[in-house]
Amino acid sequence: MSPLDAAPASSAPRINPLQRIWLREIGMERLWLRPAPAVSRQVAAPPAVVSPQVAPVPPPVAAVAAPSAPSAVPEAAVHAAAEPAPARPGVPASILNRTGPPPRPVPKAEAKAAEPPPIPVAEAVKDANLEQLSGQVLACKACGLCQGRRHAVFGQGAQPTRWLVVGEAPGEQEDRQGQPFVGRSGQLLDAMLSAVGMSRERDVFITNVIKCRPPGNRNPKPEEIAACSPYLMRQIALLKPERILVLGRFAAQTLLGTDATIGSLRGRIHQLKTDEGAEIPVIVSYHPAYLLRSPSEKARAWQDLKLASRTL
């Protein structure tokens, strides 16, 4: 078989990355990797006359002598690999010249762990005045109730005050307006106070144990009461009331530290000892919302109000 009928030359031999670097360094990379030209055969006329064979371009001597093992790579090629890669449009040099694996992103758990822990409510309020305390209540996120509230309800009334009236938690109208005891229950409370010569504008400051409305007006949870109680205790320390009128079971149990029923707590005078060592008389009565549902209990609530008035 004639050499002219042979198949075209195969593509360039495989080379490893270090050999490619070395070929690039001496300027032979493109020449070495270019496939050899195929053999052409020309037919002039019968009888066929084959044109002279075009010999394939021999590979450069330097390329033939290319090393087959990484240990034979010239020192110049090693230095060339260590040099910074040339800049590419849109690719930062820090990425082109990076030699190791990409940096590991910081997990969210570790990022949160790096944030300073929130200051406990009791620690945050211990030196606050009433204005500062009000701002802390409005921004409070100590429990989950902050997620569903419209307004936190700090309290409203006379400063200084003679009576401190403490309810359980804001209702729907209180949450809308940001004020304690509004709507029908607030109107009933104002009438009760007026019957014993007291007014929320002149004599009484009204607040709640829980400063945010529980969803659906449900009962406050123990953890919600524990998170919010320091605000109430700081209000008592700042207002220094002569008497405290507690309305509702949860408010009474929280302030007096007991699990007794409201029926067993009302009708007598309790004492609340402050951090300064003073004792404040505490009178327990029914919540106005309960009285609206059970009008027959209004007579007992009237007795509680008269008891609070006599202790003055």
Protein backbone atom coordinates (compact mmCIF):
# COMPACT_ATOMS: atom_id res chain seq x y z
CA MET A 1 0.00 0.00 0.00
CA SER A 2 1.38 3.40 -0.96
CA PRO A 3 2.15 5.89 1.83
CA LEU A 4 -0.09 8.32 -0.02
CA ASP A 5 -3.11 6.11 0.67
CA ALA A 6 -2.47 6.08 4.42
CA ALA A 7 -4.95 7.64 6.84
CA PRO A 8 -4.40 11.27 7.97
CA ALA A 9 -2.00 11.84 10.79
CA SER A 10 -3.43 11.54 14.31
CA SER A 11 -3.87 14.52 16.56
CA ALA A 12 -1.09 15.84 18.79
CA PRO A 13 -0.02 13.56 21.68
CA ARG A 14 -1.47 14.15 25.16
CA ILE A 15 0.56 16.27 27.54
CA ASN A 16 0.19 16.87 31.24
CA PRO A 17 -0.45 20.33 32.79
CA LEU A 18 3.17 20.93 33.76
CA GLN A 19 4.30 20.14 30.22
CA ARG A 20 1.69 22.61 28.90
CA ILE A 21 3.11 25.32 31.19
CA TRP A 22 6.61 24.56 29.99
CA LEU A 23 5.54 24.71 26.32
CA ARG A 24 3.78 28.01 26.95
CA GLU A 25 6.94 29.38 28.56
CA ILE A 26 9.10 28.63 25.49
CA GLY A 27 6.38 29.78 23.03
CA MET A 28 5.71 26.36 21.50
CA GLU A 29 2.35 25.52 22.98
CA ARG A 30 0.20 26.40 19.95
CA LEU A 31 2.60 24.82 17.50
CA TRP A 32 2.87 21.62 19.50
CA LEU A 33 -0.85 21.22 20.04
CA ARG A 34 -1.82 21.98 16.42
CA PRO A 35 -2.74 18.76 14.58
CA ALA A 36 -0.37 17.78 11.74
CA PRO A 37 -1.70 18.57 8.20
CA ALA A 38 -3.36 15.71 6.38
CA VAL A 39 -1.75 14.16 3.30
CA SER A 40 -3.32 15.39 0.08
CA ARG A 41 -3.57 13.33 -3.08
CA GLN A 42 -4.09 14.95 -6.46
CA VAL A 43 -5.27 13.13 -9.63
CA ALA A 44 -4.23 14.89 -12.86
CA ALA A 45 -5.51 12.61 -15.65
CA PRO A 46 -5.60 8.93 -16.55
CA PRO A 47 -3.34 7.22 -15.90
CA ALA A 48 -3.45 8.68 -12.51
CA VAL A 49 -0.43 10.69 -11.60
CA VAL A 50 0.09 11.25 -7.97
CA SER A 51 1.52 14.58 -6.99
CA PRO A 52 4.66 14.55 -4.88
CA GLN A 53 3.93 13.58 -1.29
CA VAL A 54 3.86 16.43 1.16
CA ALA A 55 5.78 15.35 4.19
CA PRO A 56 4.13 16.10 7.52
CA VAL A 57 5.64 18.88 9.50
CA PRO A 58 7.96 17.27 12.02
CA PRO A 59 7.47 18.30 15.61
CA PRO A 60 9.95 20.81 16.93
CA VAL A 61 13.07 19.41 18.47
CA ALA A 62 12.35 21.21 21.71
CA ALA A 63 8.86 19.69 21.84
CA VAL A 64 10.16 16.19 21.20
CA ALA A 65 12.45 16.65 24.10
CA ALA A 66 9.58 17.62 26.37
CA PRO A 67 9.81 15.87 29.74
CA SER A 68 7.39 13.06 30.55
CA ALA A 69 7.46 13.43 34.29
CA PRO A 70 6.77 16.41 36.55
CA SER A 71 10.26 16.15 38.03
CA ALA A 72 11.74 17.14 34.64
CA VAL A 73 9.86 20.47 34.41
CA PRO A 74 12.31 23.34 34.01
CA GLU A 75 12.67 25.75 36.88
CA ALA A 76 11.40 28.64 34.75
CA ALA A 77 8.07 26.86 34.30
CA VAL A 78 7.68 26.41 38.05
CA HIS A 79 8.29 30.11 38.63
CA ALA A 80 5.81 30.96 35.88
CA ALA A 81 3.12 28.85 37.59
CA ALA A 82 3.76 30.62 40.89
CA GLU A 83 3.35 34.08 39.38
CA PRO A 84 -0.07 35.81 39.73
CA ALA A 85 -2.47 34.95 36.96
CA PRO A 86 -3.16 37.72 34.44
CA ALA A 87 -6.21 39.82 35.13
CA ARG A 88 -9.49 38.88 33.46
CA PRO A 89 -12.38 41.28 32.96
CA GLY A 90 -14.96 40.88 35.71
CA VAL A 91 -12.92 38.39 37.77
CA PRO A 92 -11.27 39.73 40.97
CA ALA A 93 -7.54 39.14 41.27
CA SER A 94 -8.14 37.57 44.71
CA ILE A 95 -10.00 34.75 42.99
CA LEU A 96 -7.55 34.30 40.11
CA ASN A 97 -4.53 34.13 42.44
CA ARG A 98 -6.15 31.93 45.10
CA THR A 99 -4.14 28.76 45.67
CA GLY A 100 -6.29 26.93 48.22
CA PRO A 101 -9.97 25.97 48.41
CA PRO A 102 -12.55 28.77 48.60
CA PRO A 103 -13.25 30.10 52.10
CA ARG A 104 -16.05 28.35 53.95
CA PRO A 105 -19.09 30.60 54.50
CA VAL A 106 -19.96 31.29 58.12
CA PRO A 107 -23.05 29.24 59.09
CA LYS A 108 -26.06 31.21 60.32
CA ALA A 109 -25.85 29.53 63.71
CA GLU A 110 -22.29 30.78 64.17
CA ALA A 111 -23.24 34.26 62.96
CA LYS A 112 -26.04 34.45 65.53
CA ALA A 113 -23.73 33.13 68.22
CA ALA A 114 -21.38 36.03 67.51
CA GLU A 115 -24.13 38.57 68.30
CA PRO A 116 -24.22 39.82 71.90
CA PRO A 117 -27.01 38.20 73.93
CA PRO A 118 -30.00 40.43 74.77
CA ILE A 119 -29.97 42.10 78.17
CA PRO A 120 -32.54 40.55 80.54
CA VAL A 121 -35.55 42.78 81.20
CA ALA A 122 -34.91 42.94 84.95
CA GLU A 123 -31.36 44.16 84.31
CA ALA A 124 -32.41 46.65 81.62
CA VAL A 125 -35.11 48.37 83.70
CA LYS A 126 -33.41 48.64 87.07
CA ASP A 127 -32.15 52.22 86.51
CA ALA A 128 -34.83 53.44 84.06
CA ASN A 129 -37.14 56.36 84.79
CA LEU A 130 -40.77 56.34 83.67
CA GLU A 131 -40.03 57.83 80.27
CA GLN A 132 -37.22 55.37 79.60
CA LEU A 133 -39.33 52.52 80.90
CA SER A 134 -42.14 53.45 78.53
CA GLY A 135 -39.73 53.36 75.57
CA GLN A 136 -38.45 49.95 76.65
CA VAL A 137 -41.99 48.57 76.84
CA LEU A 138 -42.87 49.88 73.37
CA ALA A 139 -39.76 48.23 71.89
CA CYS A 140 -39.89 45.05 73.98
CA LYS A 141 -39.32 41.66 72.30
CA ALA A 142 -38.83 39.57 75.43
CA CYS A 143 -41.58 37.09 74.48
CA GLY A 144 -43.58 36.02 71.45
CA LEU A 145 -46.48 38.41 72.10
CA CYS A 146 -44.52 41.19 70.37
CA GLN A 147 -45.07 39.47 67.01
CA GLY A 148 -48.86 39.94 67.00
CA ARG A 149 -49.33 43.25 68.78
CA ARG A 150 -50.32 46.57 67.27
CA HIS A 151 -49.34 48.62 70.29
CA ALA A 152 -47.71 47.73 73.56
CA VAL A 153 -49.68 49.30 76.44
CA PHE A 154 -47.44 50.91 79.04
CA GLY A 155 -50.10 52.57 81.17
CA GLN A 156 -51.82 55.89 81.73
CA GLY A 157 -52.79 58.13 84.60
CA ALA A 158 -51.73 60.52 87.32
CA GLN A 159 -48.07 61.03 88.24
CA PRO A 160 -47.58 60.99 91.19
CA THR A 161 -50.45 58.67 91.91
CA ARG A 162 -52.52 57.67 94.92
CA TRP A 163 -53.80 54.39 93.54
CA LEU A 164 -52.19 52.00 91.12
CA VAL A 165 -54.79 49.88 89.30
CA VAL A 166 -53.32 46.70 87.81
CA GLY A 167 -55.20 44.61 85.25
CA GLU A 168 -54.21 41.44 83.46
CA ALA A 169 -53.50 42.19 79.77
CA PRO A 170 -54.66 44.52 76.99
CA GLY A 171 -57.75 43.56 75.01
CA GLU A 172 -58.59 44.30 71.40
CA GLN A 173 -59.44 47.96 71.93
CA GLU A 174 -56.41 48.53 74.16
CA ASP A 175 -54.20 46.97 71.49
CA ARG A 176 -55.68 49.29 68.85
CA GLN A 177 -55.35 52.49 70.89
CA GLY A 178 -52.28 51.74 73.01
CA GLN A 179 -54.13 52.79 76.20
CA PRO A 180 -55.25 50.66 79.17
CA PHE A 181 -58.90 49.91 80.01
CA VAL A 182 -60.77 51.50 77.10
CA GLY A 183 -64.06 50.39 75.64
CA ARG A 184 -66.87 49.04 77.85
CA SER A 185 -64.61 47.65 80.57
CA GLY A 186 -62.78 50.99 80.78
CA GLN A 187 -66.05 52.88 81.10
CA LEU A 188 -67.16 50.59 83.91
CA LEU A 189 -63.81 51.02 85.70
CA ASP A 190 -64.07 54.81 85.45
CA ALA A 191 -67.58 54.66 86.95
CA MET A 192 -66.37 52.43 89.81
CA LEU A 193 -63.48 54.77 90.61
CA SER A 194 -65.71 57.82 90.43
CA ALA A 195 -68.06 56.23 92.96
CA VAL A 196 -65.29 56.38 95.58
CA GLY A 197 -64.04 59.83 94.53
CA MET A 198 -61.10 58.70 92.38
CA SER A 199 -60.18 59.72 88.82
CA ARG A 200 -57.64 58.26 86.42
CA GLU A 201 -56.56 61.76 85.38
CA ARG A 202 -56.07 63.04 88.93
CA ASP A 203 -55.58 60.15 91.37
CA VAL A 204 -55.02 56.82 89.60
CA PHE A 205 -52.44 55.28 87.31
CA ILE A 206 -53.73 52.27 85.35
CA THR A 207 -51.58 49.53 83.85
CA ASN A 208 -51.47 45.76 83.25
CA VAL A 209 -49.21 42.87 84.18
CA ILE A 210 -48.85 41.95 80.48
CA LYS A 211 -48.10 44.87 78.19
CA CYS A 212 -49.05 43.18 74.87
CA ARG A 213 -52.35 41.59 73.92
CA PRO A 214 -52.41 37.76 73.90
CA PRO A 215 -53.94 36.39 70.68
CA GLY A 216 -57.70 36.04 70.96
CA ASN A 217 -57.61 37.49 74.50
CA ARG A 218 -56.42 34.11 75.81
CA ASN A 219 -54.98 33.78 79.31
CA PRO A 220 -51.34 34.87 79.63
CA LYS A 221 -48.80 32.05 79.70
CA PRO A 222 -46.40 31.70 82.67
CA GLU A 223 -43.36 32.55 80.51
CA GLU A 224 -45.12 35.69 79.24
CA ILE A 225 -45.92 36.78 82.78
CA ALA A 226 -42.33 36.12 83.86
CA ALA A 227 -40.94 38.13 80.92
CA CYS A 228 -43.22 41.13 81.53
CA SER A 229 -43.34 41.29 85.35
CA PRO A 230 -40.13 43.36 85.74
CA TYR A 231 -41.83 46.26 83.94
CA LEU A 232 -44.69 46.24 86.46
CA MET A 233 -42.36 46.04 89.45
CA ARG A 234 -40.33 48.98 88.13
CA GLN A 235 -43.53 50.99 87.63
CA ILE A 236 -44.47 50.34 91.27
CA ALA A 237 -41.00 51.42 92.44
CA LEU A 238 -41.18 54.66 90.45
CA LEU A 239 -44.83 55.60 91.09
CA LYS A 240 -44.80 54.72 94.82
CA PRO A 241 -48.62 54.40 95.08
CA GLU A 242 -50.42 54.56 98.41
CA ARG A 243 -52.65 51.60 97.44
CA ILE A 244 -52.71 48.95 94.72
CA LEU A 245 -56.05 47.71 93.37
CA VAL A 246 -55.55 44.42 91.53
CA LEU A 247 -58.25 43.39 89.05
CA GLY A 248 -58.46 39.77 87.90
CA ARG A 249 -57.03 36.40 88.93
CA PHE A 250 -53.85 36.44 86.89
CA ALA A 251 -52.91 39.92 88.06
CA ALA A 252 -53.54 38.98 91.70
CA GLN A 253 -51.60 35.73 91.48
CA THR A 254 -48.67 37.44 89.76
CA LEU A 255 -48.39 40.38 92.14
CA LEU A 256 -48.91 38.34 95.32
CA GLY A 257 -46.94 35.28 94.20
CA THR A 258 -49.72 32.79 94.86
CA ASP A 259 -51.95 30.35 93.01
CA ALA A 260 -54.98 30.99 95.22
CA THR A 261 -58.36 31.75 93.65
CA ILE A 262 -59.63 35.30 93.43
CA GLY A 263 -62.54 34.38 95.70
CA SER A 264 -60.12 33.55 98.51
CA LEU A 265 -57.93 36.61 97.88
CA ARG A 266 -60.58 39.34 97.77
CA GLY A 267 -62.27 40.85 100.84
CA ARG A 268 -59.03 41.41 102.78
CA ILE A 269 -55.90 43.52 102.66
CA HIS A 270 -52.59 42.07 101.48
CA GLN A 271 -49.17 43.68 101.75
CA LEU A 272 -46.65 44.02 98.91
CA LYS A 273 -43.08 44.50 100.11
CA THR A 274 -40.93 46.64 97.80
CA ASP A 275 -37.20 46.42 97.23
CA GLU A 276 -36.76 49.48 99.45
CA GLY A 277 -38.41 47.63 102.34
CA ALA A 278 -41.69 49.54 102.27
CA GLU A 279 -45.07 47.77 102.33
CA ILE A 280 -47.96 48.78 100.08
CA PRO A 281 -51.55 47.64 100.83
CA VAL A 282 -53.00 45.48 98.03
CA ILE A 283 -56.75 44.95 97.50
CA VAL A 284 -57.95 42.26 95.08
CA SER A 285 -61.19 42.52 93.11
CA TYR A 286 -62.90 41.26 89.97
CA HIS A 287 -61.92 42.43 86.50
CA PRO A 288 -64.46 44.84 84.89
CA ALA A 289 -64.76 42.54 81.87
CA TYR A 290 -65.86 39.74 84.22
CA LEU A 291 -68.37 42.07 85.88
CA LEU A 292 -69.89 42.83 82.48
CA ARG A 293 -70.45 39.11 81.98
CA SER A 294 -71.59 38.54 85.60
CA PRO A 295 -73.48 41.64 86.79
CA SER A 296 -74.42 39.87 90.04
CA GLU A 297 -70.79 40.17 91.21
CA LYS A 298 -70.84 43.97 91.07
CA ALA A 299 -71.98 44.13 94.68
CA ARG A 300 -68.83 42.31 95.83
CA ALA A 301 -66.68 44.57 93.65
CA TRP A 302 -68.30 47.55 95.37
CA GLN A 303 -67.31 46.08 98.74
CA ASP A 304 -63.72 45.78 97.55
CA LEU A 305 -63.66 49.43 96.49
CA LYS A 306 -64.99 50.55 99.87
CA LEU A 307 -62.31 48.43 101.58
CA ALA A 308 -59.64 50.16 99.51
CA SER A 309 -61.06 53.58 100.40
CA ARG A 310 -61.16 52.84 104.11
CA THR A 311 -57.50 51.81 104.18
CA LEU A 312 -56.53 55.31 103.12
